[in-house]
Protein backbone atom coordinates (compact mmCIF):
# COMPACT_ATOMS: atom_id res chain seq x y z
CA MET A 1 32.07 55.40 15.42
CA PRO A 2 33.52 53.76 12.29
CA ARG A 3 31.37 50.99 10.95
CA SER A 4 34.28 48.54 11.16
CA ARG A 5 33.99 48.68 14.94
CA ILE A 6 30.26 48.00 15.19
CA ASN A 7 29.98 44.82 13.12
CA GLY A 8 28.64 42.04 15.26
CA ASN A 9 29.97 38.74 14.01
CA PHE A 10 33.37 37.26 14.69
CA ILE A 11 34.51 37.05 11.06
CA ASP A 12 33.71 40.71 10.38
CA LYS A 13 35.52 41.81 13.51
CA THR A 14 38.53 39.64 12.71
CA SER A 15 38.78 40.88 9.12
CA SER A 16 38.48 44.47 10.34
CA ILE A 17 41.35 43.95 12.77
CA VAL A 18 43.49 42.37 10.06
CA ALA A 19 42.65 45.20 7.64
CA ASN A 20 43.61 47.80 10.25
CA ILE A 21 46.93 46.06 10.89
CA LEU A 22 47.65 45.88 7.16
CA LEU A 23 46.85 49.58 6.80
CA ARG A 24 49.50 50.35 9.41
CA ILE A 25 52.13 47.99 7.98
CA ILE A 26 51.81 48.55 4.23
CA PRO A 27 53.34 51.83 3.07
CA THR A 28 50.40 53.80 1.71
CA THR A 29 49.52 57.46 1.62
CA LEU A 30 47.04 59.01 4.00
CA GLY A 31 44.59 59.46 1.12
CA GLU A 32 44.76 55.78 0.21
CA LYS A 33 44.16 54.81 3.82
CA LYS A 34 41.15 57.11 4.06
CA ALA A 35 39.75 55.79 0.78
CA PHE A 36 40.14 52.19 1.92
CA THR A 37 38.48 52.92 5.26
CA TYR A 38 35.48 54.54 3.57
CA TYR A 39 35.32 51.70 1.03
CA ARG A 40 35.40 49.05 3.75
CA ASP A 41 32.70 50.86 5.73
CA GLY A 42 30.63 51.16 2.56
CA MET A 43 30.87 47.43 1.89
CA SER A 44 29.86 46.69 5.45
CA ALA A 45 26.83 48.98 5.26
CA GLN A 46 25.88 47.57 1.86
CA SER A 47 26.02 43.99 3.13
CA GLU A 48 23.62 44.97 5.93
CA GLY A 49 21.22 46.58 3.44
CA ASN A 50 21.91 50.12 4.61
CA TYR A 51 22.26 51.55 1.12
CA ALA A 52 22.11 55.23 2.05
CA GLU A 53 25.06 54.89 4.41
CA ALA A 54 26.92 52.71 1.91
CA LEU A 55 26.48 55.33 -0.84
CA GLN A 56 27.71 58.04 1.48
CA ASN A 57 30.84 56.02 2.30
CA TYR A 58 31.49 55.14 -1.35
CA TYR A 59 31.16 58.78 -2.41
CA GLU A 60 33.62 59.73 0.33
CA ALA A 61 35.98 56.97 -0.83
CA THR A 62 36.06 58.38 -4.37
CA ARG A 63 37.46 61.71 -3.18
CA PRO A 64 40.91 60.61 -1.97
CA GLU A 65 41.22 57.55 -4.25
CA ILE A 66 43.43 58.24 -7.25
CA ASP A 67 44.18 54.71 -8.47
CA PRO A 68 41.86 54.02 -11.43
CA TYR A 69 41.69 50.27 -10.71
CA ASP A 70 40.58 50.78 -7.10
CA ARG A 71 38.29 53.62 -8.12
CA SER A 72 36.58 51.33 -10.64
CA TYR A 73 35.44 48.99 -7.86
CA ILE A 74 34.07 51.89 -5.84
CA LEU A 75 32.10 53.09 -8.87
CA TYR A 76 30.94 49.55 -9.59
CA ASN A 77 29.58 49.19 -6.05
CA ILE A 78 27.76 52.52 -6.38
CA GLY A 79 26.20 51.10 -9.54
CA LEU A 80 25.16 47.97 -7.64
CA ILE A 81 23.32 50.04 -5.07
CA HIS A 82 21.52 52.06 -7.73
CA THR A 83 20.54 48.79 -9.42
CA SER A 84 19.17 47.45 -6.14
CA ASN A 85 17.18 50.66 -5.69
CA GLY A 86 15.70 50.37 -9.20
CA GLU A 87 17.57 53.46 -10.45
CA HIS A 88 18.78 51.78 -13.62
CA THR A 89 19.85 54.90 -15.47
CA LYS A 90 22.13 55.95 -12.62
CA ALA A 91 23.40 52.39 -12.28
CA LEU A 92 24.35 52.22 -15.95
CA GLU A 93 26.15 55.55 -15.64
CA TYR A 94 28.29 54.24 -12.79
CA TYR A 95 28.97 50.94 -14.57
CA PHE A 96 30.17 52.93 -17.60
CA ARG A 97 32.40 55.07 -15.37
CA ALA A 98 33.83 51.94 -13.73
CA LEU A 99 34.57 50.42 -17.13
CA GLU A 100 36.32 53.58 -18.29
CA ARG A 101 38.84 53.05 -15.49
CA ASN A 102 38.97 49.26 -15.65
CA PRO A 103 37.78 47.69 -18.92
CA PHE A 104 38.34 44.20 -17.47
CA LEU A 105 35.37 44.26 -15.10
CA PRO A 106 33.08 41.55 -16.51
CA GLN A 107 30.55 41.89 -13.70
CA ALA A 108 29.86 45.47 -14.83
CA PHE A 109 29.24 44.30 -18.40
CA ASN A 110 26.94 41.59 -17.08
CA ASN A 111 24.92 43.99 -14.93
CA MET A 112 24.63 46.43 -17.84
CA ALA A 113 23.33 43.65 -20.09
CA VAL A 114 20.76 42.63 -17.48
CA ILE A 115 19.53 46.21 -17.12
CA CYS A 116 19.45 46.81 -20.88
CA HIS A 117 17.44 43.63 -21.29
CA TYR A 118 14.46 45.45 -19.75
CA PRO A 119 12.37 46.62 -22.71
CA TYR A 120 12.00 50.33 -23.52
CA GLU A 121 13.16 51.50 -20.13
CA ASN A 122 16.75 52.23 -21.05
CA ARG A 123 16.74 53.33 -24.68
CA PRO A 124 19.31 56.15 -24.16
CA PHE A 125 21.77 53.63 -22.76
CA TYR A 126 20.91 51.17 -25.49
CA ARG A 127 22.17 53.82 -27.89
CA GLY A 128 25.21 54.33 -25.65
CA ILE A 129 26.07 50.65 -25.81
CA LEU A 130 25.73 50.74 -29.60
CA LYS A 131 28.14 53.69 -29.62
CA LEU A 132 30.64 51.73 -27.50
CA ARG A 133 30.25 48.83 -29.90
CA ARG A 134 31.02 51.08 -32.88
CA LEU A 135 34.10 52.45 -31.09
CA GLY A 136 35.30 48.92 -30.42
CA SER A 137 35.17 49.29 -26.65
CA ILE A 138 32.90 46.29 -26.23
CA LYS A 139 32.48 43.16 -28.29
CA LEU A 140 28.83 42.12 -28.41
CA PRO A 141 28.77 39.27 -30.96
CA SER A 142 29.97 36.85 -28.30
CA ILE A 143 26.89 37.50 -26.14
CA GLY A 144 24.35 37.42 -28.93
CA ASN A 145 23.14 39.53 -31.74
CA LYS A 146 20.26 41.33 -29.99
CA LEU A 147 21.96 44.73 -30.01
């Protein structure tokens, strides 16, 4: 059973009904509808703390999703789950991938900075951030001169 049908509270059920109606009304492709359904189910599982199910839904959502902007949010949420699980290297990888598709995702930059603030743990990504800085992809002087 889709996760959108098993949420217990009134607001979740109402928003699921509205989302289903919008999916029927708005002209979208079948792939976009599938991606949105998986993404919505992933967000629901993530909010309940069921990270394994959320990851599975997010990975499924990346398959049919072709829009880079929408895909960036899926990748960002995968990064959030890896951060919550303490898998910082994987999290940074997904934040980078999200930023490749949507460079205007400040929450990804923030989460990367928080992770890179941990000493010695993420030296390969520290070098990666320096590389992005040299390429001009990120501007670090505004957040301090620690890197």
